Amino acid sequence: QLELVESGGGLVQAGGSLRLSCAASGSGFTINRMAWYHQAPGKQRELVAAITSGGGTNYADSVKGRFTISRDNAKNTVYLQMNSLKPQDTGVYYCNAKVRGEWVGVQYDYWGQGTQVTVSS
């Protein structure tokens, strides 16, 4: 129904930058919101940044001012520009899409496979 494919992860030194991409493919869906989640080793998956279909954004306090989420509706792709990376940013980053359901207020979650980000000190 909907496939999310992340890319752009890798190994960088502290203070460096990465740009993650998440491409959504499929048919017959309407995405209400896309987001990036971070799962550090041994930790729960937590919201990093989100962007609505209207372009509104929100960020976790830990990344505010360093990360920027953006979208390209024509390409059905969402990006996460990560600057001033810190070792604690290390982990798997997952793309999430909330897809409109049958009834107002009902959404379904889809997840990508994740992309690894490692920040060395």
PDB file of N, CA and C in Angstrom:
ATOM      1  N   GLN A   1       0.824  -1.201   0.000  1.00  0.00           N
ATOM      2  CA  GLN A   1       0.000   0.000   0.000  1.00  0.00           C
ATOM      3  C   GLN A   1       0.861   1.255   0.000  1.00  0.00           C
ATOM      4  N   LEU A   2       1.773   1.340   0.948  1.00  0.00           N
ATOM      5  CA  LEU A   2       2.681   2.471   1.025  1.00  0.00           C
ATOM      6  C   LEU A   2       4.047   1.978   1.472  1.00  0.00           C
ATOM      7  N   GLU A   3       5.074   2.362   0.734  1.00  0.00           N
ATOM      8  CA  GLU A   3       6.433   2.006   1.078  1.00  0.00           C
ATOM      9  C   GLU A   3       7.237   3.265   1.331  1.00  0.00           C
ATOM     10  N   LEU A   4       7.985   3.263   2.425  1.00  0.00           N
ATOM     11  CA  LEU A   4       8.854   4.367   2.777  1.00  0.00           C
ATOM     12  C   LEU A   4      10.286   3.863   2.759  1.00  0.00           C
ATOM     13  N   VAL A   5      11.134   4.540   2.016  1.00  0.00           N
ATOM     14  CA  VAL A   5      12.523   4.140   1.883  1.00  0.00           C
ATOM     15  C   VAL A   5      13.411   5.294   2.302  1.00  0.00           C
ATOM     16  N   GLU A   6      14.175   5.075   3.372  1.00  0.00           N
ATOM     17  CA  GLU A   6      15.101   6.090   3.866  1.00  0.00           C
ATOM     18  C   GLU A   6      16.478   5.900   3.250  1.00  0.00           C
ATOM     19  N   SER A   7      17.203   6.993   3.158  1.00  0.00           N
ATOM     20  CA  SER A   7      18.575   6.958   2.697  1.00  0.00           C
ATOM     21  C   SER A   7      19.309   8.164   3.258  1.00  0.00           C
ATOM     22  N   GLY A   8      20.622   8.139   3.161  1.00  0.00           N
ATOM     23  CA  GLY A   8      21.428   9.277   3.556  1.00  0.00           C
ATOM     24  C   GLY A   8      22.183   9.122   4.857  1.00  0.00           C
ATOM     25  N   GLY A   9      21.947   8.045   5.575  1.00  0.00           N
ATOM     26  CA  GLY A   9      22.668   7.829   6.814  1.00  0.00           C
ATOM     27  C   GLY A   9      24.121   7.490   6.554  1.00  0.00           C
ATOM     28  N   GLY A  10      24.894   7.506   7.618  1.00  0.00           N
ATOM     29  CA  GLY A  10      26.302   7.194   7.492  1.00  0.00           C
ATOM     30  C   GLY A  10      27.062   7.529   8.745  1.00  0.00           C
ATOM     31  N   LEU A  11      28.363   7.535   8.613  1.00  0.00           N
ATOM     32  CA  LEU A  11      29.277   7.829   9.711  1.00  0.00           C
ATOM     33  C   LEU A  11      29.866   9.217   9.520  1.00  0.00           C
ATOM     34  N   VAL A  12      29.708  10.059  10.523  1.00  0.00           N
ATOM     35  CA  VAL A  12      30.253  11.413  10.478  1.00  0.00           C
ATOM     36  C   VAL A  12      30.882  11.758  11.816  1.00  0.00           C
ATOM     37  N   GLN A  13      31.752  12.738  11.793  1.00  0.00           N
ATOM     38  CA  GLN A  13      32.345  13.245  13.022  1.00  0.00           C
ATOM     39  C   GLN A  13      31.422  14.265  13.675  1.00  0.00           C
ATOM     40  N   ALA A  14      31.561  14.409  14.977  1.00  0.00           N
ATOM     41  CA  ALA A  14      30.787  15.415  15.695  1.00  0.00           C
ATOM     42  C   ALA A  14      30.985  16.781  15.052  1.00  0.00           C
ATOM     43  N   GLY A  15      29.877  17.505  14.929  1.00  0.00           N
ATOM     44  CA  GLY A  15      29.904  18.797  14.274  1.00  0.00           C
ATOM     45  C   GLY A  15      29.609  18.743  12.795  1.00  0.00           C
ATOM     46  N   GLY A  16      29.579  17.559  12.239  1.00  0.00           N
ATOM     47  CA  GLY A  16      29.314  17.393  10.827  1.00  0.00           C
ATOM     48  C   GLY A  16      27.837  17.411  10.507  1.00  0.00           C
ATOM     49  N   SER A  17      27.534  17.160   9.247  1.00  0.00           N
ATOM     50  CA  SER A  17      26.163  17.231   8.762  1.00  0.00           C
ATOM     51  C   SER A  17      25.816  16.021   7.922  1.00  0.00           C
ATOM     52  N   LEU A  18      24.543  15.687   7.929  1.00  0.00           N
ATOM     53  CA  LEU A  18      23.983  14.671   7.065  1.00  0.00           C
ATOM     54  C   LEU A  18      22.613  15.135   6.606  1.00  0.00           C
ATOM     55  N   ARG A  19      22.205  14.638   5.463  1.00  0.00           N
ATOM     56  CA  ARG A  19      20.870  14.898   4.963  1.00  0.00           C
ATOM     57  C   ARG A  19      20.185  13.572   4.681  1.00  0.00           C
ATOM     58  N   LEU A  20      19.139  13.284   5.433  1.00  0.00           N
ATOM     59  CA  LEU A  20      18.375  12.070   5.254  1.00  0.00           C
ATOM     60  C   LEU A  20      17.212  12.319   4.308  1.00  0.00           C
ATOM     61  N   SER A  21      16.890  11.306   3.535  1.00  0.00           N
ATOM     62  CA  SER A  21      15.766  11.374   2.618  1.00  0.00           C
ATOM     63  C   SER A  21      14.822  10.216   2.881  1.00  0.00           C
ATOM     64  N   CYS A  22      13.549  10.462   2.691  1.00  0.00           N
ATOM     65  CA  CYS A  22      12.532   9.428   2.807  1.00  0.00           C
ATOM     66  C   CYS A  22      11.590   9.577   1.631  1.00  0.00           C
ATOM     67  N   ALA A  23      11.600   8.596   0.768  1.00  0.00           N
ATOM     68  CA  ALA A  23      10.744   8.600  -0.407  1.00  0.00           C
ATOM     69  C   ALA A  23       9.553   7.686  -0.185  1.00  0.00           C
ATOM     70  N   ALA A  24       8.372   8.223  -0.396  1.00  0.00           N
ATOM     71  CA  ALA A  24       7.138   7.464  -0.248  1.00  0.00           C
ATOM     72  C   ALA A  24       6.637   7.036  -1.614  1.00  0.00           C
ATOM     73  N   SER A  25       6.267   5.783  -1.725  1.00  0.00           N
ATOM     74  CA  SER A  25       5.737   5.272  -2.977  1.00  0.00           C
ATOM     75  C   SER A  25       4.518   4.404  -2.703  1.00  0.00           C
ATOM     76  N   GLY A  26       3.623   4.391  -3.650  1.00  0.00           N
ATOM     77  CA  GLY A  26       2.393   3.638  -3.532  1.00  0.00           C
ATOM     78  C   GLY A  26       1.275   4.366  -4.245  1.00  0.00           C
ATOM     79  N   SER A  27       0.073   3.928  -3.996  1.00  0.00           N
ATOM     80  CA  SER A  27      -1.076   4.542  -4.637  1.00  0.00           C
ATOM     81  C   SER A  27      -2.283   4.485  -3.711  1.00  0.00           C
ATOM     82  N   GLY A  28      -3.203   5.388  -3.941  1.00  0.00           N
ATOM     83  CA  GLY A  28      -4.442   5.391  -3.199  1.00  0.00           C
ATOM     84  C   GLY A  28      -4.311   5.817  -1.750  1.00  0.00           C
ATOM     85  N   PHE A  29      -3.328   6.666  -1.450  1.00  0.00           N
ATOM     86  CA  PHE A  29      -3.146   7.117  -0.078  1.00  0.00           C
ATOM     87  C   PHE A  29      -3.075   8.633  -0.022  1.00  0.00           C
ATOM     88  N   THR A  30      -3.414   9.145   1.138  1.00  0.00           N
ATOM     89  CA  THR A  30      -3.276  10.559   1.438  1.00  0.00           C
ATOM     90  C   THR A  30      -2.494  10.683   2.736  1.00  0.00           C
ATOM     91  N   ILE A  31      -1.335  11.309   2.667  1.00  0.00           N
ATOM     92  CA  ILE A  31      -0.468  11.441   3.829  1.00  0.00           C
ATOM     93  C   ILE A  31      -0.804  12.733   4.556  1.00  0.00           C
ATOM     94  N   ASN A  32      -1.179  12.592   5.816  1.00  0.00           N
ATOM     95  CA  ASN A  32      -1.487  13.754   6.633  1.00  0.00           C
ATOM     96  C   ASN A  32      -0.234  14.379   7.237  1.00  0.00           C
ATOM     97  N   ARG A  33       0.709  13.540   7.624  1.00  0.00           N
ATOM     98  CA  ARG A  33       1.919  14.009   8.280  1.00  0.00           C
ATOM     99  C   ARG A  33       3.052  13.031   8.034  1.00  0.00           C
ATOM    100  N   MET A  34       4.229  13.558   7.855  1.00  0.00           N
ATOM    101  CA  MET A  34       5.426  12.739   7.799  1.00  0.00           C
ATOM    102  C   MET A  34       6.370  13.193   8.896  1.00  0.00           C
ATOM    103  N   ALA A  35       7.143  12.254   9.388  1.00  0.00           N
ATOM    104  CA  ALA A  35       7.995  12.555  10.526  1.00  0.00           C
ATOM    105  C   ALA A  35       9.229  11.685  10.503  1.00  0.00           C
ATOM    106  N   TRP A  36      10.217  12.136  11.243  1.00  0.00           N
ATOM    107  CA  TRP A  36      11.413  11.368  11.503  1.00  0.00           C
ATOM    108  C   TRP A  36      11.474  11.010  12.974  1.00  0.00           C
ATOM    109  N   TYR A  37      11.784   9.761  13.248  1.00  0.00           N
ATOM    110  CA  TYR A  37      11.980   9.268  14.594  1.00  0.00           C
ATOM    111  C   TYR A  37      13.407   8.781  14.757  1.00  0.00           C
ATOM    112  N   HIS A  38      13.902   8.893  15.968  1.00  0.00           N
ATOM    113  CA  HIS A  38      15.241   8.466  16.305  1.00  0.00           C
ATOM    114  C   HIS A  38      15.182   7.416  17.398  1.00  0.00           C
ATOM    115  N   GLN A  39      15.915   6.345  17.195  1.00  0.00           N
ATOM    116  CA  GLN A  39      16.039   5.321  18.211  1.00  0.00           C
ATOM    117  C   GLN A  39      17.512   5.121  18.529  1.00  0.00           C
ATOM    118  N   ALA A  40      17.908   5.647  19.676  1.00  0.00           N
ATOM    119  CA  ALA A  40      19.271   5.464  20.139  1.00  0.00           C
ATOM    120  C   ALA A  40      19.437   4.051  20.684  1.00  0.00           C
ATOM    121  N   PRO A  41      20.662   3.555  20.730  1.00  0.00           N
ATOM    122  CA  PRO A  41      20.881   2.212  21.272  1.00  0.00           C
ATOM    123  C   PRO A  41      20.318   2.075  22.678  1.00  0.00           C
ATOM    124  N   GLY A  42      19.494   1.062  22.875  1.00  0.00           N
ATOM    125  CA  GLY A  42      18.912   0.800  24.176  1.00  0.00           C
ATOM    126  C   GLY A  42      17.785   1.726  24.579  1.00  0.00           C
ATOM    127  N   LYS A  43      17.338   2.587  23.689  1.00  0.00           N
ATOM    128  CA  LYS A  43      16.297   3.557  24.004  1.00  0.00           C
ATOM    129  C   LYS A  43      15.064   3.320  23.145  1.00  0.00           C
ATOM    130  N   GLN A  44      13.959   3.933  23.566  1.00  0.00           N
ATOM    131  CA  GLN A  44      12.737   3.877  22.787  1.00  0.00           C
ATOM    132  C   GLN A  44      12.818   4.808  21.585  1.00  0.00           C
ATOM    133  N   ARG A  45      12.017   4.507  20.604  1.00  0.00           N
ATOM    134  CA  ARG A  45      11.929   5.349  19.430  1.00  0.00           C
ATOM    135  C   ARG A  45      11.200   6.645  19.786  1.00  0.00           C
ATOM    136  N   GLU A  46      11.807   7.772  19.453  1.00  0.00           N
ATOM    137  CA  GLU A  46      11.259   9.062  19.817  1.00  0.00           C
ATOM    138  C   GLU A  46      11.158   9.979  18.612  1.00  0.00           C
ATOM    139  N   LEU A  47      10.149  10.823  18.639  1.00  0.00           N
ATOM    140  CA  LEU A  47       9.929  11.778  17.555  1.00  0.00           C
ATOM    141  C   LEU A  47      11.039  12.810  17.532  1.00  0.00           C
ATOM    142  N   VAL A  48      11.578  13.047  16.360  1.00  0.00           N
ATOM    143  CA  VAL A  48      12.598  14.061  16.149  1.00  0.00           C
ATOM    144  C   VAL A  48      12.012  15.300  15.497  1.00  0.00           C
ATOM    145  N   ALA A  49      11.303  15.107  14.408  1.00  0.00           N
ATOM    146  CA  ALA A  49      10.733  16.214  13.658  1.00  0.00           C
ATOM    147  C   ALA A  49       9.548  15.716  12.863  1.00  0.00           C
ATOM    148  N   ALA A  50       8.583  16.591  12.641  1.00  0.00           N
ATOM    149  CA  ALA A  50       7.389  16.241  11.885  1.00  0.00           C
ATOM    150  C   ALA A  50       6.993  17.404  11.000  1.00  0.00           C
ATOM    151  N   ILE A  51       6.352  17.072   9.898  1.00  0.00           N
ATOM    152  CA  ILE A  51       5.861  18.088   8.985  1.00  0.00           C
ATOM    153  C   ILE A  51       4.503  17.648   8.458  1.00  0.00           C
ATOM    154  N   THR A  52       3.543  18.548   8.490  1.00  0.00           N
ATOM    155  CA  THR A  52       2.202  18.243   8.029  1.00  0.00           C
ATOM    156  C   THR A  52       2.092  18.490   6.536  1.00  0.00           C
ATOM    157  N   SER A  53       0.969  18.063   5.986  1.00  0.00           N
ATOM    158  CA  SER A  53       0.737  18.282   4.563  1.00  0.00           C
ATOM    159  C   SER A  53       0.688  19.766   4.221  1.00  0.00           C
ATOM    160  N   GLY A  54       0.329  20.598   5.197  1.00  0.00           N
ATOM    161  CA  GLY A  54       0.299  22.033   4.994  1.00  0.00           C
ATOM    162  C   GLY A  54       1.621  22.730   5.211  1.00  0.00           C
ATOM    163  N   GLY A  55       2.636  21.993   5.634  1.00  0.00           N
ATOM    164  CA  GLY A  55       3.959  22.561   5.809  1.00  0.00           C
ATOM    165  C   GLY A  55       4.328  22.933   7.227  1.00  0.00           C
ATOM    166  N   GLY A  56       3.417  22.760   8.170  1.00  0.00           N
ATOM    167  CA  GLY A  56       3.745  23.035   9.550  1.00  0.00           C
ATOM    168  C   GLY A  56       4.743  22.037  10.103  1.00  0.00           C
ATOM    169  N   THR A  57       5.622  22.502  10.965  1.00  0.00           N
ATOM    170  CA  THR A  57       6.679  21.644  11.499  1.00  0.00           C
ATOM    171  C   THR A  57       6.735  21.721  13.014  1.00  0.00           C
ATOM    172  N   ASN A  58       7.274  20.675  13.610  1.00  0.00           N
ATOM    173  CA  ASN A  58       7.622  20.703  15.014  1.00  0.00           C
ATOM    174  C   ASN A  58       8.838  19.815  15.234  1.00  0.00           C
ATOM    175  N   TYR A  59       9.577  20.115  16.297  1.00  0.00           N
ATOM    176  CA  TYR A  59      10.846  19.462  16.553  1.00  0.00           C
ATOM    177  C   TYR A  59      10.972  19.091  18.013  1.00  0.00           C
ATOM    178  N   ALA A  60      11.727  18.044  18.254  1.00  0.00           N
ATOM    179  CA  ALA A  60      12.129  17.738  19.609  1.00  0.00           C
ATOM    180  C   ALA A  60      13.085  18.819  20.103  1.00  0.00           C
ATOM    181  N   ASP A  61      13.020  19.101  21.396  1.00  0.00           N
ATOM    182  CA  ASP A  61      13.890  20.133  21.951  1.00  0.00           C
ATOM    183  C   ASP A  61      15.365  19.836  21.709  1.00  0.00           C
ATOM    184  N   SER A  62      15.719  18.571  21.698  1.00  0.00           N
ATOM    185  CA  SER A  62      17.113  18.189  21.569  1.00  0.00           C
ATOM    186  C   SER A  62      17.708  18.507  20.208  1.00  0.00           C
ATOM    187  N   VAL A  63      16.862  18.687  19.196  1.00  0.00           N
ATOM    188  CA  VAL A  63      17.364  18.946  17.848  1.00  0.00           C
ATOM    189  C   VAL A  63      16.981  20.316  17.333  1.00  0.00           C
ATOM    190  N   LYS A  64      16.199  21.045  18.086  1.00  0.00           N
ATOM    191  CA  LYS A  64      15.744  22.360  17.651  1.00  0.00           C
ATOM    192  C   LYS A  64      16.939  23.273  17.400  1.00  0.00           C
ATOM    193  N   GLY A  65      16.945  23.903  16.244  1.00  0.00           N
ATOM    194  CA  GLY A  65      18.045  24.760  15.860  1.00  0.00           C
ATOM    195  C   GLY A  65      19.157  24.052  15.123  1.00  0.00           C
ATOM    196  N   ARG A  66      19.145  22.726  15.141  1.00  0.00           N
ATOM    197  CA  ARG A  66      20.177  21.955  14.458  1.00  0.00           C
ATOM    198  C   ARG A  66      19.624  21.167  13.271  1.00  0.00           C
ATOM    199  N   PHE A  67      18.416  20.644  13.423  1.00  0.00           N
ATOM    200  CA  PHE A  67      17.803  19.833  12.376  1.00  0.00           C
ATOM    201  C   PHE A  67      16.684  20.606  11.704  1.00  0.00           C
ATOM    202  N   THR A  68      16.480  20.334  10.435  1.00  0.00           N
ATOM    203  CA  THR A  68      15.396  20.946   9.684  1.00  0.00           C
ATOM    204  C   THR A  68      14.697  19.880   8.852  1.00  0.00           C
ATOM    205  N   ILE A  69      13.389  19.791   9.006  1.00  0.00           N
ATOM    206  CA  ILE A  69      12.606  18.877   8.200  1.00  0.00           C
ATOM    207  C   ILE A  69      11.964  19.663   7.064  1.00  0.00           C
ATOM    208  N   SER A  70      11.932  19.061   5.902  1.00  0.00           N
ATOM    209  CA  SER A  70      11.332  19.698   4.745  1.00  0.00           C
ATOM    210  C   SER A  70      10.708  18.630   3.859  1.00  0.00           C
ATOM    211  N   ARG A  71       9.940  19.066   2.902  1.00  0.00           N
ATOM    212  CA  ARG A  71       9.264  18.129   2.011  1.00  0.00           C
ATOM    213  C   ARG A  71       9.280  18.622   0.579  1.00  0.00           C
ATOM    214  N   ASP A  72       9.171  17.674  -0.321  1.00  0.00           N
ATOM    215  CA  ASP A  72       9.019  17.948  -1.740  1.00  0.00           C
ATOM    216  C   ASP A  72       7.813  17.143  -2.183  1.00  0.00           C
ATOM    217  N   ASN A  73       6.676  17.802  -2.262  1.00  0.00           N
ATOM    218  CA  ASN A  73       5.440  17.097  -2.578  1.00  0.00           C
ATOM    219  C   ASN A  73       5.454  16.476  -3.973  1.00  0.00           C
ATOM    220  N   ALA A  74       6.117  17.134  -4.908  1.00  0.00           N
ATOM    221  CA  ALA A  74       6.181  16.602  -6.258  1.00  0.00           C
ATOM    222  C   ALA A  74       6.901  15.261  -6.294  1.00  0.00           C
ATOM    223  N   LYS A  75       7.905  15.112  -5.446  1.00  0.00           N
ATOM    224  CA  LYS A  75       8.665  13.868  -5.376  1.00  0.00           C
ATOM    225  C   LYS A  75       8.169  12.937  -4.284  1.00  0.00           C
ATOM    226  N   ASN A  76       7.169  13.386  -3.515  1.00  0.00           N
ATOM    227  CA  ASN A  76       6.660  12.606  -2.390  1.00  0.00           C
ATOM    228  C   ASN A  76       7.792  12.198  -1.451  1.00  0.00           C
ATOM    229  N   THR A  77       8.626  13.154  -1.142  1.00  0.00           N
ATOM    230  CA  THR A  77       9.819  12.899  -0.368  1.00  0.00           C
ATOM    231  C   THR A  77       9.936  13.903   0.769  1.00  0.00           C
ATOM    232  N   VAL A  78      10.378  13.416   1.910  1.00  0.00           N
ATOM    233  CA  VAL A  78      10.649  14.269   3.053  1.00  0.00           C
ATOM    234  C   VAL A  78      12.126  14.153   3.388  1.00  0.00           C
ATOM    235  N   TYR A  79      12.702  15.250   3.851  1.00  0.00           N
ATOM    236  CA  TYR A  79      14.122  15.315   4.146  1.00  0.00           C
ATOM    237  C   TYR A  79      14.342  15.726   5.599  1.00  0.00           C
ATOM    238  N   LEU A  80      15.471  15.333   6.108  1.00  0.00           N
ATOM    239  CA  LEU A  80      15.914  15.805   7.409  1.00  0.00           C
ATOM    240  C   LEU A  80      17.352  16.264   7.271  1.00  0.00           C
ATOM    241  N   GLN A  81      17.542  17.568   7.298  1.00  0.00           N
ATOM    242  CA  GLN A  81      18.881  18.139   7.282  1.00  0.00           C
ATOM    243  C   GLN A  81      19.387  18.201   8.709  1.00  0.00           C
ATOM    244  N   MET A  82      20.472  17.511   8.975  1.00  0.00           N
ATOM    245  CA  MET A  82      21.027  17.418  10.310  1.00  0.00           C
ATOM    246  C   MET A  82      22.378  18.110  10.335  1.00  0.00           C
ATOM    247  N   ASN A  83      22.466  19.174  11.106  1.00  0.00           N
ATOM    248  CA  ASN A  83      23.693  19.933  11.258  1.00  0.00           C
ATOM    249  C   ASN A  83      24.179  19.866  12.697  1.00  0.00           C
ATOM    250  N   SER A  84      25.433  20.207  12.890  1.00  0.00           N
ATOM    251  CA  SER A  84      26.031  20.218  14.225  1.00  0.00           C
ATOM    252  C   SER A  84      25.756  18.921  14.965  1.00  0.00           C
ATOM    253  N   LEU A  85      26.005  17.829  14.300  1.00  0.00           N
ATOM    254  CA  LEU A  85      25.686  16.519  14.861  1.00  0.00           C
ATOM    255  C   LEU A  85      26.506  16.235  16.109  1.00  0.00           C
ATOM    256  N   LYS A  86      25.868  15.558  17.044  1.00  0.00           N
ATOM    257  CA  LYS A  86      26.467  15.191  18.306  1.00  0.00           C
ATOM    258  C   LYS A  86      26.482  13.678  18.441  1.00  0.00           C
ATOM    259  N   PRO A  87      27.384  13.148  19.253  1.00  0.00           N
ATOM    260  CA  PRO A  87      27.400  11.694  19.444  1.00  0.00           C
ATOM    261  C   PRO A  87      26.056  11.132  19.904  1.00  0.00           C
ATOM    262  N   GLN A  88      25.304  11.883  20.698  1.00  0.00           N
ATOM    263  CA  GLN A  88      24.013  11.399  21.152  1.00  0.00           C
ATOM    264  C   GLN A  88      22.965  11.333  20.048  1.00  0.00           C
ATOM    265  N   ASP A  89      23.267  11.891  18.880  1.00  0.00           N
ATOM    266  CA  ASP A  89      22.385  11.745  17.733  1.00  0.00           C
ATOM    267  C   ASP A  89      22.519  10.372  17.085  1.00  0.00           C
ATOM    268  N   THR A  90      23.499   9.617  17.497  1.00  0.00           N
ATOM    269  CA  THR A  90      23.728   8.291  16.947  1.00  0.00           C
ATOM    270  C   THR A  90      22.511   7.394  17.145  1.00  0.00           C
ATOM    271  N   GLY A  91      22.191   6.629  16.143  1.00  0.00           N
ATOM    272  CA  GLY A  91      21.094   5.690  16.224  1.00  0.00           C
ATOM    273  C   GLY A  91      20.460   5.488  14.865  1.00  0.00           C
ATOM    274  N   VAL A  92      19.352   4.799  14.880  1.00  0.00           N
ATOM    275  CA  VAL A  92      18.608   4.538  13.659  1.00  0.00           C
ATOM    276  C   VAL A  92      17.517   5.581  13.514  1.00  0.00           C
ATOM    277  N   TYR A  93      17.433   6.156  12.338  1.00  0.00           N
ATOM    278  CA  TYR A  93      16.404   7.140  12.038  1.00  0.00           C
ATOM    279  C   TYR A  93      15.357   6.510  11.134  1.00  0.00           C
ATOM    280  N   TYR A  94      14.117   6.594  11.577  1.00  0.00           N
ATOM    281  CA  TYR A  94      13.001   5.994  10.868  1.00  0.00           C
ATOM    282  C   TYR A  94      12.082   7.071  10.315  1.00  0.00           C
ATOM    283  N   CYS A  95      11.658   6.872   9.104  1.00  0.00           N
ATOM    284  CA  CYS A  95      10.648   7.720   8.497  1.00  0.00           C
ATOM    285  C   CYS A  95       9.267   7.169   8.820  1.00  0.00           C
ATOM    286  N   ASN A  96       8.354   8.054   9.146  1.00  0.00           N
ATOM    287  CA  ASN A  96       6.991   7.686   9.488  1.00  0.00           C
ATOM    288  C   ASN A  96       6.012   8.510   8.676  1.00  0.00           C
ATOM    289  N   ALA A  97       4.957   7.861   8.226  1.00  0.00           N
ATOM    290  CA  ALA A  97       3.887   8.551   7.524  1.00  0.00           C
ATOM    291  C   ALA A  97       2.562   8.199   8.161  1.00  0.00           C
ATOM    292  N   LYS A  98       1.780   9.216   8.460  1.00  0.00           N
ATOM    293  CA  LYS A  98       0.424   9.025   8.944  1.00  0.00           C
ATOM    294  C   LYS A  98      -0.515   9.211   7.764  1.00  0.00           C
ATOM    295  N   VAL A  99      -1.230   8.145   7.445  1.00  0.00           N
ATOM    296  CA  VAL A  99      -2.072   8.102   6.266  1.00  0.00           C
ATOM    297  C   VAL A  99      -3.534   8.210   6.680  1.00  0.00           C
ATOM    298  N   ARG A 100      -4.274   9.008   5.955  1.00  0.00           N
ATOM    299  CA  ARG A 100      -5.687   9.225   6.248  1.00  0.00           C
ATOM    300  C   ARG A 100      -6.463   7.920   6.168  1.00  0.00           C
ATOM    301  N   GLY A 101      -7.299   7.677   7.166  1.00  0.00           N
ATOM    302  CA  GLY A 101      -8.149   6.517   7.197  1.00  0.00           C
ATOM    303  C   GLY A 101      -9.539   6.818   6.677  1.00  0.00           C
ATOM    304  N   GLU A 102     -10.442   5.879   6.914  1.00  0.00           N
ATOM    305  CA  GLU A 102     -11.794   5.989   6.388  1.00  0.00           C
ATOM    306  C   GLU A 102     -12.603   7.094   7.051  1.00  0.00           C
ATOM    307  N   TRP A 103     -12.334   7.345   8.323  1.00  0.00           N
ATOM    308  CA  TRP A 103     -13.100   8.305   9.085  1.00  0.00           C
ATOM    309  C   TRP A 103     -12.226   9.475   9.511  1.00  0.00           C
ATOM    310  N   VAL A 104     -12.859  10.622   9.665  1.00  0.00           N
ATOM    311  CA  VAL A 104     -12.135  11.792  10.110  1.00  0.00           C
ATOM    312  C   VAL A 104     -11.509  11.518  11.473  1.00  0.00           C
ATOM    313  N   GLY A 105     -10.260  11.923  11.612  1.00  0.00           N
ATOM    314  CA  GLY A 105      -9.548  11.698  12.851  1.00  0.00           C
ATOM    315  C   GLY A 105      -8.868  10.348  12.956  1.00  0.00           C
ATOM    316  N   VAL A 106      -9.048   9.486  11.975  1.00  0.00           N
ATOM    317  CA  VAL A 106      -8.440   8.163  11.973  1.00  0.00           C
ATOM    318  C   VAL A 106      -7.260   8.165  11.015  1.00  0.00           C
ATOM    319  N   GLN A 107      -6.133   7.690  11.496  1.00  0.00           N
ATOM    320  CA  GLN A 107      -4.925   7.622  10.694  1.00  0.00           C
ATOM    321  C   GLN A 107      -4.256   6.266  10.871  1.00  0.00           C
ATOM    322  N   TYR A 108      -3.470   5.895   9.888  1.00  0.00           N
ATOM    323  CA  TYR A 108      -2.677   4.679   9.943  1.00  0.00           C
ATOM    324  C   TYR A 108      -1.213   5.027   9.769  1.00  0.00           C
ATOM    325  N   ASP A 109      -0.374   4.349  10.536  1.00  0.00           N
ATOM    326  CA  ASP A 109       1.060   4.606  10.520  1.00  0.00           C
ATOM    327  C   ASP A 109       1.784   3.644   9.591  1.00  0.00           C
ATOM    328  N   TYR A 110       2.707   4.191   8.819  1.00  0.00           N
ATOM    329  CA  TYR A 110       3.617   3.399   8.013  1.00  0.00           C
ATOM    330  C   TYR A 110       5.039   3.806   8.363  1.00  0.00           C
ATOM    331  N   TRP A 111       5.925   2.821   8.318  1.00  0.00           N
ATOM    332  CA  TRP A 111       7.304   3.040   8.732  1.00  0.00           C
ATOM    333  C   TRP A 111       8.275   2.564   7.666  1.00  0.00           C
ATOM    334  N   GLY A 112       9.369   3.298   7.543  1.00  0.00           N
ATOM    335  CA  GLY A 112      10.464   2.841   6.721  1.00  0.00           C
ATOM    336  C   GLY A 112      11.330   1.854   7.471  1.00  0.00           C
ATOM    337  N   GLN A 113      12.334   1.345   6.795  1.00  0.00           N
ATOM    338  CA  GLN A 113      13.204   0.333   7.396  1.00  0.00           C
ATOM    339  C   GLN A 113      14.262   0.931   8.313  1.00  0.00           C
ATOM    340  N   GLY A 114      14.467   2.218   8.227  1.00  0.00           N
ATOM    341  CA  GLY A 114      15.446   2.895   9.050  1.00  0.00           C
ATOM    342  C   GLY A 114      16.779   3.059   8.348  1.00  0.00           C
ATOM    343  N   THR A 115      17.484   4.099   8.718  1.00  0.00           N
ATOM    344  CA  THR A 115      18.830   4.327   8.210  1.00  0.00           C
ATOM    345  C   THR A 115      19.734   4.682   9.389  1.00  0.00           C
ATOM    346  N   GLN A 116      20.901   4.090   9.413  1.00  0.00           N
ATOM    347  CA  GLN A 116      21.813   4.232  10.545  1.00  0.00           C
ATOM    348  C   GLN A 116      22.611   5.519  10.441  1.00  0.00           C
ATOM    349  N   VAL A 117      22.653   6.249  11.539  1.00  0.00           N
ATOM    350  CA  VAL A 117      23.496   7.432  11.668  1.00  0.00           C
ATOM    351  C   VAL A 117      24.436   7.208  12.841  1.00  0.00           C
ATOM    352  N   THR A 118      25.714   7.345  12.591  1.00  0.00           N
ATOM    353  CA  THR A 118      26.712   7.206  13.634  1.00  0.00           C
ATOM    354  C   THR A 118      27.563   8.460  13.673  1.00  0.00           C
ATOM    355  N   VAL A 119      27.605   9.092  14.832  1.00  0.00           N
ATOM    356  CA  VAL A 119      28.366  10.317  15.020  1.00  0.00           C
ATOM    357  C   VAL A 119      29.508  10.012  15.976  1.00  0.00           C
ATOM    358  N   SER A 120      30.711  10.137  15.495  1.00  0.00           N
ATOM    359  CA  SER A 120      31.883   9.856  16.302  1.00  0.00           C
ATOM    360  C   SER A 120      32.364  11.123  16.982  1.00  0.00           C
ATOM    361  N   SER A 121      32.984  10.956  18.142  1.00  0.00           N
ATOM    362  CA  SER A 121      33.521  12.079  18.893  1.00  0.00           C
ATOM    363  C   SER A 121      35.004  12.265  18.652  1.00  0.00           C
TER     364      SER A 121
END
